[in-house]
PDB file of N, CA and C in Angstrom:
ATOM      1  N   MET A   1      74.214-151.204 -76.078  1.00  0.00           N
ATOM      2  CA  MET A   1      73.633-149.932 -75.740  1.00  0.00           C
ATOM      3  C   MET A   1      72.741-149.513 -76.899  1.00  0.00           C
ATOM      4  N   ASP A   2      71.536-149.078 -76.569  1.00  0.00           N
ATOM      5  CA  ASP A   2      70.641-148.662 -77.632  1.00  0.00           C
ATOM      6  C   ASP A   2      70.313-147.175 -77.579  1.00  0.00           C
ATOM      7  N   ARG A   3      70.846-146.467 -76.566  1.00  0.00           N
ATOM      8  CA  ARG A   3      70.630-145.023 -76.435  1.00  0.00           C
ATOM      9  C   ARG A   3      71.935-144.336 -76.041  1.00  0.00           C
ATOM     10  N   VAL A   4      72.049-143.091 -76.469  1.00  0.00           N
ATOM     11  CA  VAL A   4      73.163-142.245 -76.075  1.00  0.00           C
ATOM     12  C   VAL A   4      72.553-140.907 -75.663  1.00  0.00           C
ATOM     13  N   HIS A   5      73.089-140.312 -74.611  1.00  0.00           N
ATOM     14  CA  HIS A   5      72.581-139.035 -74.105  1.00  0.00           C
ATOM     15  C   HIS A   5      73.600-137.948 -74.408  1.00  0.00           C
ATOM     16  N   LEU A   6      73.120-136.869 -75.014  1.00  0.00           N
ATOM     17  CA  LEU A   6      73.989-135.775 -75.418  1.00  0.00           C
ATOM     18  C   LEU A   6      73.474-134.459 -74.842  1.00  0.00           C
ATOM     19  N   ARG A   7      74.413-133.629 -74.395  1.00  0.00           N
ATOM     20  CA  ARG A   7      74.060-132.311 -73.865  1.00  0.00           C
ATOM     21  C   ARG A   7      74.257-131.279 -74.966  1.00  0.00           C
ATOM     22  N   ALA A   8      73.200-130.515 -75.220  1.00  0.00           N
ATOM     23  CA  ALA A   8      73.253-129.429 -76.199  1.00  0.00           C
ATOM     24  C   ALA A   8      73.933-128.221 -75.567  1.00  0.00           C
ATOM     25  N   PRO A   9      74.388-127.266 -76.374  1.00  0.00           N
ATOM     26  CA  PRO A   9      75.018-126.065 -75.823  1.00  0.00           C
ATOM     27  C   PRO A   9      74.117-125.326 -74.829  1.00  0.00           C
ATOM     28  N   SER A  10      72.814-125.468 -74.959  1.00  0.00           N
ATOM     29  CA  SER A  10      71.882-124.817 -74.038  1.00  0.00           C
ATOM     30  C   SER A  10      71.831-125.500 -72.681  1.00  0.00           C
ATOM     31  N   GLY A  11      72.433-126.700 -72.583  1.00  0.00           N
ATOM     32  CA  GLY A  11      72.422-127.458 -71.337  1.00  0.00           C
ATOM     33  C   GLY A  11      71.368-128.558 -71.305  1.00  0.00           C
ATOM     34  N   VAL A  12      70.493-128.583 -72.293  1.00  0.00           N
ATOM     35  CA  VAL A  12      69.445-129.597 -72.361  1.00  0.00           C
ATOM     36  C   VAL A  12      70.068-130.949 -72.685  1.00  0.00           C
ATOM     37  N   ILE A  13      69.606-132.000 -71.986  1.00  0.00           N
ATOM     38  CA  ILE A  13      70.102-133.357 -72.221  1.00  0.00           C
ATOM     39  C   ILE A  13      69.059-134.100 -73.042  1.00  0.00           C
ATOM     40  N   ILE A  14      69.505-134.680 -74.147  1.00  0.00           N
ATOM     41  CA  ILE A  14      68.603-135.366 -75.058  1.00  0.00           C
ATOM     42  C   ILE A  14      69.081-136.798 -75.222  1.00  0.00           C
ATOM     43  N   GLY A  15      68.151-137.762 -75.097  1.00  0.00           N
ATOM     44  CA  GLY A  15      68.468-139.170 -75.327  1.00  0.00           C
ATOM     45  C   GLY A  15      68.164-139.532 -76.768  1.00  0.00           C
ATOM     46  N   PHE A  16      69.115-140.135 -77.433  1.00  0.00           N
ATOM     47  CA  PHE A  16      68.954-140.533 -78.831  1.00  0.00           C
ATOM     48  C   PHE A  16      69.085-142.043 -78.947  1.00  0.00           C
ATOM     49  N   THR A  17      68.269-142.637 -79.789  1.00  0.00           N
ATOM     50  CA  THR A  17      68.410-144.059 -80.075  1.00  0.00           C
ATOM     51  C   THR A  17      69.485-144.229 -81.139  1.00  0.00           C
ATOM     52  N   LEU A  18      70.115-145.381 -81.114  1.00  0.00           N
ATOM     53  CA  LEU A  18      71.167-145.682 -82.086  1.00  0.00           C
ATOM     54  C   LEU A  18      70.587-146.491 -83.228  1.00  0.00           C
ATOM     55  N   PRO A  19      71.076-146.350 -84.413  1.00  0.00           N
ATOM     56  CA  PRO A  19      72.168-145.456 -84.800  1.00  0.00           C
ATOM     57  C   PRO A  19      71.689-144.010 -84.856  1.00  0.00           C
ATOM     58  N   LEU A  20      72.615-143.100 -84.611  1.00  0.00           N
ATOM     59  CA  LEU A  20      72.298-141.677 -84.650  1.00  0.00           C
ATOM     60  C   LEU A  20      72.077-141.215 -86.082  1.00  0.00           C
ATOM     61  N   HIS A  21      71.164-140.268 -86.242  1.00  0.00           N
ATOM     62  CA  HIS A  21      70.987-139.631 -87.545  1.00  0.00           C
ATOM     63  C   HIS A  21      72.308-138.959 -87.897  1.00  0.00           C
ATOM     64  N   GLU A  22      72.650-138.917 -89.163  1.00  0.00           N
ATOM     65  CA  GLU A  22      73.959-138.384 -89.563  1.00  0.00           C
ATOM     66  C   GLU A  22      74.157-136.922 -89.155  1.00  0.00           C
ATOM     67  N   ALA A  23      73.097-136.124 -89.122  1.00  0.00           N
ATOM     68  CA  ALA A  23      73.234-134.724 -88.695  1.00  0.00           C
ATOM     69  C   ALA A  23      73.594-134.646 -87.209  1.00  0.00           C
ATOM     70  N   ILE A  24      72.944-135.461 -86.376  1.00  0.00           N
ATOM     71  CA  ILE A  24      73.234-135.476 -84.941  1.00  0.00           C
ATOM     72  C   ILE A  24      74.634-136.026 -84.709  1.00  0.00           C
ATOM     73  N   ASP A  25      74.970-137.098 -85.403  1.00  0.00           N
ATOM     74  CA  ASP A  25      76.302-137.684 -85.271  1.00  0.00           C
ATOM     75  C   ASP A  25      77.371-136.665 -85.648  1.00  0.00           C
ATOM     76  N   GLY A  26      77.129-135.899 -86.698  1.00  0.00           N
ATOM     77  CA  GLY A  26      78.081-134.873 -87.120  1.00  0.00           C
ATOM     78  C   GLY A  26      78.259-133.791 -86.069  1.00  0.00           C
ATOM     79  N   GLN A  27      77.143-133.332 -85.480  1.00  0.00           N
ATOM     80  CA  GLN A  27      77.230-132.313 -84.424  1.00  0.00           C
ATOM     81  C   GLN A  27      78.013-132.850 -83.227  1.00  0.00           C
ATOM     82  N   TRP A  28      77.758-134.084 -82.871  1.00  0.00           N
ATOM     83  CA  TRP A  28      78.437-134.707 -81.740  1.00  0.00           C
ATOM     84  C   TRP A  28      79.932-134.816 -82.001  1.00  0.00           C
ATOM     85  N   ARG A  29      80.290-135.310 -83.147  1.00  0.00           N
ATOM     86  CA  ARG A  29      81.703-135.547 -83.461  1.00  0.00           C
ATOM     87  C   ARG A  29      82.474-134.250 -83.699  1.00  0.00           C
ATOM     88  N   ARG A  30      81.768-133.174 -84.013  1.00  0.00           N
ATOM     89  CA  ARG A  30      82.418-131.857 -84.126  1.00  0.00           C
ATOM     90  C   ARG A  30      82.542-131.177 -82.767  1.00  0.00           C
ATOM     91  N   GLY A  31      81.990-131.799 -81.726  1.00  0.00           N
ATOM     92  CA  GLY A  31      82.091-131.232 -80.386  1.00  0.00           C
ATOM     93  C   GLY A  31      80.980-130.255 -80.050  1.00  0.00           C
ATOM     94  N   GLU A  32      79.958-130.160 -80.901  1.00  0.00           N
ATOM     95  CA  GLU A  32      78.840-129.254 -80.632  1.00  0.00           C
ATOM     96  C   GLU A  32      77.902-129.830 -79.577  1.00  0.00           C
ATOM     97  N   LEU A  33      77.876-131.144 -79.453  1.00  0.00           N
ATOM     98  CA  LEU A  33      77.098-131.852 -78.437  1.00  0.00           C
ATOM     99  C   LEU A  33      78.069-132.659 -77.600  1.00  0.00           C
ATOM    100  N   GLN A  34      77.814-132.772 -76.308  1.00  0.00           N
ATOM    101  CA  GLN A  34      78.714-133.501 -75.422  1.00  0.00           C
ATOM    102  C   GLN A  34      77.990-134.695 -74.833  1.00  0.00           C
ATOM    103  N   ARG A  35      78.645-135.851 -74.846  1.00  0.00           N
ATOM    104  CA  ARG A  35      78.045-137.053 -74.285  1.00  0.00           C
ATOM    105  C   ARG A  35      78.032-136.978 -72.763  1.00  0.00           C
ATOM    106  N   VAL A  36      76.897-137.354 -72.174  1.00  0.00           N
ATOM    107  CA  VAL A  36      76.730-137.374 -70.727  1.00  0.00           C
ATOM    108  C   VAL A  36      75.953-138.632 -70.363  1.00  0.00           C
ATOM    109  N   SER A  37      75.892-138.933 -69.066  1.00  0.00           N
ATOM    110  CA  SER A  37      75.054-140.022 -68.578  1.00  0.00           C
ATOM    111  C   SER A  37      73.599-139.560 -68.634  1.00  0.00           C
ATOM    112  N   GLU A  38      72.689-140.492 -68.481  1.00  0.00           N
ATOM    113  CA  GLU A  38      71.261-140.177 -68.575  1.00  0.00           C
ATOM    114  C   GLU A  38      70.850-139.077 -67.602  1.00  0.00           C
ATOM    115  N   ASP A  39      71.469-139.044 -66.418  1.00  0.00           N
ATOM    116  CA  ASP A  39      71.117-138.031 -65.422  1.00  0.00           C
ATOM    117  C   ASP A  39      71.864-136.707 -65.621  1.00  0.00           C
ATOM    118  N   GLY A  40      72.682-136.621 -66.676  1.00  0.00           N
ATOM    119  CA  GLY A  40      73.414-135.393 -66.967  1.00  0.00           C
ATOM    120  C   GLY A  40      74.805-135.328 -66.372  1.00  0.00           C
ATOM    121  N   SER A  41      75.169-136.334 -65.593  1.00  0.00           N
ATOM    122  CA  SER A  41      76.513-136.358 -65.014  1.00  0.00           C
ATOM    123  C   SER A  41      77.529-136.661 -66.119  1.00  0.00           C
ATOM    124  N   PRO A  42      78.800-136.295 -65.902  1.00  0.00           N
ATOM    125  CA  PRO A  42      79.815-136.539 -66.933  1.00  0.00           C
ATOM    126  C   PRO A  42      79.866-138.008 -67.328  1.00  0.00           C
ATOM    127  N   TRP A  43      80.088-138.246 -68.608  1.00  0.00           N
ATOM    128  CA  TRP A  43      80.174-139.600 -69.139  1.00  0.00           C
ATOM    129  C   TRP A  43      81.473-140.240 -68.673  1.00  0.00           C
ATOM    130  N   GLU A  44      81.383-141.449 -68.154  1.00  0.00           N
ATOM    131  CA  GLU A  44      82.560-142.205 -67.728  1.00  0.00           C
ATOM    132  C   GLU A  44      82.922-143.165 -68.851  1.00  0.00           C
ATOM    133  N   GLY A  45      84.084-143.010 -69.406  1.00  0.00           N
ATOM    134  CA  GLY A  45      84.521-143.904 -70.470  1.00  0.00           C
ATOM    135  C   GLY A  45      84.781-143.143 -71.754  1.00  0.00           C
ATOM    136  N   ASP A  46      84.979-143.890 -72.818  1.00  0.00           N
ATOM    137  CA  ASP A  46      85.269-143.322 -74.127  1.00  0.00           C
ATOM    138  C   ASP A  46      84.014-142.651 -74.673  1.00  0.00           C
ATOM    139  N   GLU A  47      84.088-141.354 -74.877  1.00  0.00           N
ATOM    140  CA  GLU A  47      82.920-140.587 -75.308  1.00  0.00           C
ATOM    141  C   GLU A  47      82.352-141.086 -76.630  1.00  0.00           C
ATOM    142  N   TYR A  48      83.182-141.624 -77.507  1.00  0.00           N
ATOM    143  CA  TYR A  48      82.728-142.002 -78.841  1.00  0.00           C
ATOM    144  C   TYR A  48      82.583-143.506 -79.038  1.00  0.00           C
ATOM    145  N   ASP A  49      82.728-144.293 -77.979  1.00  0.00           N
ATOM    146  CA  ASP A  49      82.544-145.736 -78.083  1.00  0.00           C
ATOM    147  C   ASP A  49      81.059-146.048 -77.940  1.00  0.00           C
ATOM    148  N   LEU A  50      80.502-146.598 -78.988  1.00  0.00           N
ATOM    149  CA  LEU A  50      79.085-146.952 -78.957  1.00  0.00           C
ATOM    150  C   LEU A  50      78.903-148.454 -78.869  1.00  0.00           C
ATOM    151  N   GLY A  51      79.835-149.125 -78.233  1.00  0.00           N
ATOM    152  CA  GLY A  51      79.695-150.558 -78.022  1.00  0.00           C
ATOM    153  C   GLY A  51      79.836-151.384 -79.273  1.00  0.00           C
ATOM    154  N   GLY A  52      80.800-151.033 -80.103  1.00  0.00           N
ATOM    155  CA  GLY A  52      81.065-151.839 -81.289  1.00  0.00           C
ATOM    156  C   GLY A  52      80.183-151.496 -82.474  1.00  0.00           C
ATOM    157  N   THR A  53      79.509-150.360 -82.459  1.00  0.00           N
ATOM    158  CA  THR A  53      78.659-150.013 -83.585  1.00  0.00           C
ATOM    159  C   THR A  53      79.448-149.421 -84.742  1.00  0.00           C
ATOM    160  N   GLY A  54      80.715-149.080 -84.518  1.00  0.00           N
ATOM    161  CA  GLY A  54      81.538-148.513 -85.579  1.00  0.00           C
ATOM    162  C   GLY A  54      82.754-149.376 -85.824  1.00  0.00           C
ATOM    163  N   ALA A  55      83.376-149.198 -86.974  1.00  0.00           N
ATOM    164  CA  ALA A  55      84.534-150.013 -87.320  1.00  0.00           C
ATOM    165  C   ALA A  55      85.734-149.666 -86.450  1.00  0.00           C
ATOM    166  N   GLY A  56      86.013-148.372 -86.290  1.00  0.00           N
ATOM    167  CA  GLY A  56      87.124-147.949 -85.439  1.00  0.00           C
ATOM    168  C   GLY A  56      88.475-148.274 -86.048  1.00  0.00           C
ATOM    169  N   ASP A  57      89.493-147.631 -85.528  1.00  0.00           N
ATOM    170  CA  ASP A  57      90.849-147.870 -85.982  1.00  0.00           C
ATOM    171  C   ASP A  57      91.572-148.724 -84.957  1.00  0.00           C
ATOM    172  N   ALA A  58      92.650-149.341 -85.382  1.00  0.00           N
ATOM    173  CA  ALA A  58      93.465-150.110 -84.453  1.00  0.00           C
ATOM    174  C   ALA A  58      94.090-149.141 -83.461  1.00  0.00           C
ATOM    175  N   PRO A  59      94.238-149.549 -82.194  1.00  0.00           N
ATOM    176  CA  PRO A  59      94.837-148.635 -81.222  1.00  0.00           C
ATOM    177  C   PRO A  59      96.290-148.361 -81.570  1.00  0.00           C
ATOM    178  N   PRO A  60      96.781-147.144 -81.277  1.00  0.00           N
ATOM    179  CA  PRO A  60      98.174-146.837 -81.578  1.00  0.00           C
ATOM    180  C   PRO A  60      99.104-147.639 -80.687  1.00  0.00           C
ATOM    181  N   GLU A  61     100.323-147.834 -81.168  1.00  0.00           N
ATOM    182  CA  GLU A  61     101.309-148.551 -80.372  1.00  0.00           C
ATOM    183  C   GLU A  61     101.674-147.706 -79.156  1.00  0.00           C
ATOM    184  N   PRO A  62     101.919-148.368 -78.011  1.00  0.00           N
ATOM    185  CA  PRO A  62     102.289-147.610 -76.807  1.00  0.00           C
ATOM    186  C   PRO A  62     103.529-146.762 -77.057  1.00  0.00           C
ATOM    187  N   GLY A  63     103.493-145.512 -76.602  1.00  0.00           N
ATOM    188  CA  GLY A  63     104.628-144.612 -76.764  1.00  0.00           C
ATOM    189  C   GLY A  63     104.714-143.937 -78.113  1.00  0.00           C
ATOM    190  N   ALA A  64     103.854-144.314 -79.063  1.00  0.00           N
ATOM    191  CA  ALA A  64     103.895-143.715 -80.392  1.00  0.00           C
ATOM    192  C   ALA A  64     103.230-142.345 -80.361  1.00  0.00           C
ATOM    193  N   THR A  65     103.828-141.380 -81.062  1.00  0.00           N
ATOM    194  CA  THR A  65     103.215-140.059 -81.162  1.00  0.00           C
ATOM    195  C   THR A  65     102.101-140.147 -82.193  1.00  0.00           C
ATOM    196  N   PRO A  66     100.893-139.730 -81.828  1.00  0.00           N
ATOM    197  CA  PRO A  66      99.792-139.819 -82.786  1.00  0.00           C
ATOM    198  C   PRO A  66      99.987-138.846 -83.943  1.00  0.00           C
ATOM    199  N   ALA A  67      99.353-139.161 -85.054  1.00  0.00           N
ATOM    200  CA  ALA A  67      99.421-138.270 -86.212  1.00  0.00           C
ATOM    201  C   ALA A  67      98.619-137.008 -85.924  1.00  0.00           C
ATOM    202  N   ARG A  68      99.139-135.869 -86.358  1.00  0.00           N
ATOM    203  CA  ARG A  68      98.441-134.593 -86.176  1.00  0.00           C
ATOM    204  C   ARG A  68      97.179-134.608 -87.036  1.00  0.00           C
ATOM    205  N   PRO A  69      96.033-134.258 -86.441  1.00  0.00           N
ATOM    206  CA  PRO A  69      94.788-134.232 -87.228  1.00  0.00           C
ATOM    207  C   PRO A  69      94.832-133.158 -88.313  1.00  0.00           C
ATOM    208  N   GLU A  70      94.002-133.327 -89.321  1.00  0.00           N
ATOM    209  CA  GLU A  70      93.835-132.304 -90.344  1.00  0.00           C
ATOM    210  C   GLU A  70      93.229-131.073 -89.693  1.00  0.00           C
ATOM    211  N   GLU A  71      93.442-129.903 -90.262  1.00  0.00           N
ATOM    212  CA  GLU A  71      92.911-128.659 -89.689  1.00  0.00           C
ATOM    213  C   GLU A  71      91.397-128.711 -89.510  1.00  0.00           C
ATOM    214  N   ASN A  72      90.695-129.388 -90.414  1.00  0.00           N
ATOM    215  CA  ASN A  72      89.233-129.429 -90.343  1.00  0.00           C
ATOM    216  C   ASN A  72      88.709-130.665 -89.610  1.00  0.00           C
ATOM    217  N   ALA A  73      89.583-131.376 -88.907  1.00  0.00           N
ATOM    218  CA  ALA A  73      89.172-132.563 -88.154  1.00  0.00           C
ATOM    219  C   ALA A  73      88.223-132.174 -87.019  1.00  0.00           C
ATOM    220  N   PRO A  74      87.369-133.094 -86.588  1.00  0.00           N
ATOM    221  CA  PRO A  74      86.448-132.787 -85.488  1.00  0.00           C
ATOM    222  C   PRO A  74      87.189-132.426 -84.194  1.00  0.00           C
ATOM    223  N   LYS A  75      86.498-131.687 -83.343  1.00  0.00           N
ATOM    224  CA  LYS A  75      87.067-131.250 -82.065  1.00  0.00           C
ATOM    225  C   LYS A  75      87.578-132.435 -81.257  1.00  0.00           C
ATOM    226  N   ARG A  76      86.850-133.547 -81.258  1.00  0.00           N
ATOM    227  CA  ARG A  76      87.263-134.712 -80.468  1.00  0.00           C
ATOM    228  C   ARG A  76      88.636-135.215 -80.891  1.00  0.00           C
ATOM    229  N   ASP A  77      88.948-135.143 -82.189  1.00  0.00           N
ATOM    230  CA  ASP A  77      90.265-135.571 -82.667  1.00  0.00           C
ATOM    231  C   ASP A  77      91.358-134.646 -82.126  1.00  0.00           C
ATOM    232  N   TRP A  78      91.061-133.343 -82.115  1.00  0.00           N
ATOM    233  CA  TRP A  78      92.020-132.379 -81.589  1.00  0.00           C
ATOM    234  C   TRP A  78      92.170-132.519 -80.089  1.00  0.00           C
ATOM    235  N   GLN A  79      91.082-132.837 -79.388  1.00  0.00           N
ATOM    236  CA  GLN A  79      91.168-133.056 -77.945  1.00  0.00           C
ATOM    237  C   GLN A  79      92.096-134.230 -77.654  1.00  0.00           C
ATOM    238  N   ALA A  80      91.878-135.344 -78.338  1.00  0.00           N
ATOM    239  CA  ALA A  80      92.695-136.535 -78.120  1.00  0.00           C
ATOM    240  C   ALA A  80      94.164-136.255 -78.455  1.00  0.00           C
ATOM    241  N   TYR A  81      94.395-135.553 -79.549  1.00  0.00           N
ATOM    242  CA  TYR A  81      95.766-135.249 -79.960  1.00  0.00           C
ATOM    243  C   TYR A  81      96.445-134.336 -78.941  1.00  0.00           C
ATOM    244  N   ALA A  82      95.751-133.287 -78.504  1.00  0.00           N
ATOM    245  CA  ALA A  82      96.330-132.332 -77.552  1.00  0.00           C
ATOM    246  C   ALA A  82      96.716-133.019 -76.246  1.00  0.00           C
ATOM    247  N   VAL A  83      95.870-133.932 -75.790  1.00  0.00           N
ATOM    248  CA  VAL A  83      96.170-134.665 -74.557  1.00  0.00           C
ATOM    249  C   VAL A  83      97.338-135.624 -74.795  1.00  0.00           C
ATOM    250  N   ALA A  84      97.331-136.306 -75.936  1.00  0.00           N
ATOM    251  CA  ALA A  84      98.383-137.283 -76.234  1.00  0.00           C
ATOM    252  C   ALA A  84      99.765-136.656 -76.331  1.00  0.00           C
ATOM    253  N   VAL A  85      99.842-135.433 -76.852  1.00  0.00           N
ATOM    254  CA  VAL A  85     101.152-134.789 -76.985  1.00  0.00           C
ATOM    255  C   VAL A  85     101.513-133.956 -75.760  1.00  0.00           C
ATOM    256  N   GLY A  86     100.624-133.942 -74.752  1.00  0.00           N
ATOM    257  CA  GLY A  86     100.920-133.246 -73.507  1.00  0.00           C
ATOM    258  C   GLY A  86     100.686-131.745 -73.544  1.00  0.00           C
ATOM    259  N   ALA A  87      99.955-131.263 -74.544  1.00  0.00           N
ATOM    260  CA  ALA A  87      99.694-129.827 -74.636  1.00  0.00           C
ATOM    261  C   ALA A  87      98.675-129.369 -73.596  1.00  0.00           C
ATOM    262  N   VAL A  88      97.748-130.253 -73.231  1.00  0.00           N
ATOM    263  CA  VAL A  88      96.701-129.947 -72.250  1.00  0.00           C
ATOM    264  C   VAL A  88      96.317-131.223 -71.511  1.00  0.00           C
ATOM    265  N   THR A  89      95.594-131.059 -70.417  1.00  0.00           N
ATOM    266  CA  THR A  89      95.034-132.208 -69.706  1.00  0.00           C
ATOM    267  C   THR A  89      93.665-132.519 -70.284  1.00  0.00           C
ATOM    268  N   ASP A  90      93.085-133.659 -69.905  1.00  0.00           N
ATOM    269  CA  ASP A  90      91.737-134.009 -70.360  1.00  0.00           C
ATOM    270  C   ASP A  90      90.740-132.922 -69.985  1.00  0.00           C
ATOM    271  N   ALA A  91      90.827-132.443 -68.750  1.00  0.00           N
ATOM    272  CA  ALA A  91      89.888-131.424 -68.272  1.00  0.00           C
ATOM    273  C   ALA A  91      90.037-130.126 -69.061  1.00  0.00           C
ATOM    274  N   GLU A  92      91.275-129.726 -69.331  1.00  0.00           N
ATOM    275  CA  GLU A  92      91.498-128.503 -70.111  1.00  0.00           C
ATOM    276  C   GLU A  92      90.978-128.673 -71.534  1.00  0.00           C
ATOM    277  N   ALA A  93      91.241-129.824 -72.135  1.00  0.00           N
ATOM    278  CA  ALA A  93      90.821-130.078 -73.510  1.00  0.00           C
ATOM    279  C   ALA A  93      89.307-129.975 -73.657  1.00  0.00           C
ATOM    280  N   ALA A  94      88.572-130.439 -72.660  1.00  0.00           N
ATOM    281  CA  ALA A  94      87.113-130.394 -72.717  1.00  0.00           C
ATOM    282  C   ALA A  94      86.579-128.968 -72.707  1.00  0.00           C
ATOM    283  N   LYS A  95      87.327-128.040 -72.131  1.00  0.00           N
ATOM    284  CA  LYS A  95      86.871-126.655 -72.009  1.00  0.00           C
ATOM    285  C   LYS A  95      87.277-125.778 -73.191  1.00  0.00           C
ATOM    286  N   LEU A  96      88.243-126.220 -73.984  1.00  0.00           N
ATOM    287  CA  LEU A  96      88.761-125.403 -75.078  1.00  0.00           C
ATOM    288  C   LEU A  96      87.980-125.622 -76.366  1.00  0.00           C
ATOM    289  N   THR A  97      87.970-124.602 -77.216  1.00  0.00           N
ATOM    290  CA  THR A  97      87.375-124.744 -78.547  1.00  0.00           C
ATOM    291  C   THR A  97      88.359-125.482 -79.451  1.00  0.00           C
ATOM    292  N   ARG A  98      87.888-125.900 -80.603  1.00  0.00           N
ATOM    293  CA  ARG A  98      88.759-126.580 -81.555  1.00  0.00           C
ATOM    294  C   ARG A  98      89.895-125.647 -81.966  1.00  0.00           C
ATOM    295  N   ALA A  99      89.594-124.377 -82.216  1.00  0.00           N
ATOM    296  CA  ALA A  99      90.632-123.415 -82.610  1.00  0.00           C
ATOM    297  C   ALA A  99      91.678-123.250 -81.509  1.00  0.00           C
ATOM    298  N   GLU A 100      91.251-123.206 -80.260  1.00  0.00           N
ATOM    299  CA  GLU A 100      92.195-123.080 -79.146  1.00  0.00           C
ATOM    300  C   GLU A 100      93.066-124.326 -79.028  1.00  0.00           C
ATOM    301  N   LEU A 101      92.471-125.491 -79.252  1.00  0.00           N
ATOM    302  CA  LEU A 101      93.248-126.741 -79.213  1.00  0.00           C
ATOM    303  C   LEU A 101      94.307-126.748 -80.313  1.00  0.00           C
ATOM    304  N   ILE A 102      93.920-126.310 -81.504  1.00  0.00           N
ATOM    305  CA  ILE A 102      94.874-126.269 -82.621  1.00  0.00           C
ATOM    306  C   ILE A 102      96.032-125.340 -82.279  1.00  0.00           C
ATOM    307  N   THR A 103      95.721-124.181 -81.717  1.00  0.00           N
ATOM    308  CA  THR A 103      96.775-123.227 -81.340  1.00  0.00           C
ATOM    309  C   THR A 103      97.703-123.828 -80.290  1.00  0.00           C
ATOM    310  N   ARG A 104      97.138-124.504 -79.299  1.00  0.00           N
ATOM    311  CA  ARG A 104      97.964-125.106 -78.233  1.00  0.00           C
ATOM    312  C   ARG A 104      98.887-126.196 -78.780  1.00  0.00           C
ATOM    313  N   CYS A 105      98.476-126.834 -79.880  1.00  0.00           N
ATOM    314  CA  CYS A 105      99.251-127.955 -80.433  1.00  0.00           C
ATOM    315  C   CYS A 105     100.172-127.543 -81.570  1.00  0.00           C
ATOM    316  N   THR A 106     100.198-126.268 -81.884  1.00  0.00           N
ATOM    317  CA  THR A 106     100.993-125.793 -83.011  1.00  0.00           C
ATOM    318  C   THR A 106     102.235-125.082 -82.500  1.00  0.00           C
ATOM    319  N   PRO A 107     103.424-125.543 -82.908  1.00  0.00           N
ATOM    320  CA  PRO A 107     104.654-124.871 -82.489  1.00  0.00           C
ATOM    321  C   PRO A 107     104.638-123.406 -82.938  1.00  0.00           C
ATOM    322  N   ALA A 108     105.252-122.538 -82.171  1.00  0.00           N
ATOM    323  CA  ALA A 108     105.255-121.094 -82.458  1.00  0.00           C
ATOM    324  C   ALA A 108     105.734-120.786 -83.869  1.00  0.00           C
ATOM    325  N   GLU A 109     106.724-121.521 -84.333  1.00  0.00           N
ATOM    326  CA  GLU A 109     107.267-121.240 -85.670  1.00  0.00           C
ATOM    327  C   GLU A 109     106.290-121.587 -86.792  1.00  0.00           C
ATOM    328  N   MET A 110     105.262-122.376 -86.492  1.00  0.00           N
ATOM    329  CA  MET A 110     104.260-122.741 -87.496  1.00  0.00           C
ATOM    330  C   MET A 110     103.031-121.829 -87.450  1.00  0.00           C
ATOM    331  N   LEU A 111     102.928-120.985 -86.421  1.00  0.00           N
ATOM    332  CA  LEU A 111     101.789-120.079 -86.317  1.00  0.00           C
ATOM    333  C   LEU A 111     101.961-118.904 -87.267  1.00  0.00           C
ATOM    334  N   PRO A 112     100.844-118.344 -87.766  1.00  0.00           N
ATOM    335  CA  PRO A 112     100.982-117.170 -88.631  1.00  0.00           C
ATOM    336  C   PRO A 112     101.560-116.004 -87.838  1.00  0.00           C
ATOM    337  N   PRO A 113     102.250-115.097 -88.508  1.00  0.00           N
ATOM    338  CA  PRO A 113     102.843-113.955 -87.798  1.00  0.00           C
ATOM    339  C   PRO A 113     101.749-113.063 -87.205  1.00  0.00           C
ATOM    340  N   ASP A 114     102.085-112.470 -86.089  1.00  0.00           N
ATOM    341  CA  ASP A 114     101.166-111.550 -85.404  1.00  0.00           C
ATOM    342  C   ASP A 114     101.148-110.252 -86.207  1.00  0.00           C
ATOM    343  N   PRO A 115      99.969-109.788 -86.645  1.00  0.00           N
ATOM    344  CA  PRO A 115      99.932-108.569 -87.451  1.00  0.00           C
ATOM    345  C   PRO A 115     100.416-107.324 -86.707  1.00  0.00           C
ATOM    346  N   GLY A 116     100.474-107.383 -85.374  1.00  0.00           N
ATOM    347  CA  GLY A 116     100.948-106.248 -84.579  1.00  0.00           C
ATOM    348  C   GLY A 116     102.462-106.139 -84.524  1.00  0.00           C
ATOM    349  N   ASP A 117     103.179-107.158 -85.034  1.00  0.00           N
ATOM    350  CA  ASP A 117     104.649-107.139 -84.992  1.00  0.00           C
ATOM    351  C   ASP A 117     105.236-106.294 -86.089  1.00  0.00           C
TER     352      ASP A 117
END
């Protein structure tokens, strides 16, 4: 694959040649841009797989609980984690912000106290 299509928050679809500029790659991996097909339809497959252009990590063992991402990890990491631990579905994860995903994946006892209490 020599192109990837990303949807900006405005809804505009932009085709980028690979490798992506680091600024665009950063926006994409933070969840600011969403991968789509050339015609704008939802992307089928792994959103971040660029056909072997990256080193990647070994896949986790089946049934293993994934490691909790760092607080400042990209949105995609939180989406994958939230789905893996059963906090949300894929569809729900795509609609939530990174902060909402973190809240959904954090046990109540680990959340800061409510100032109204």
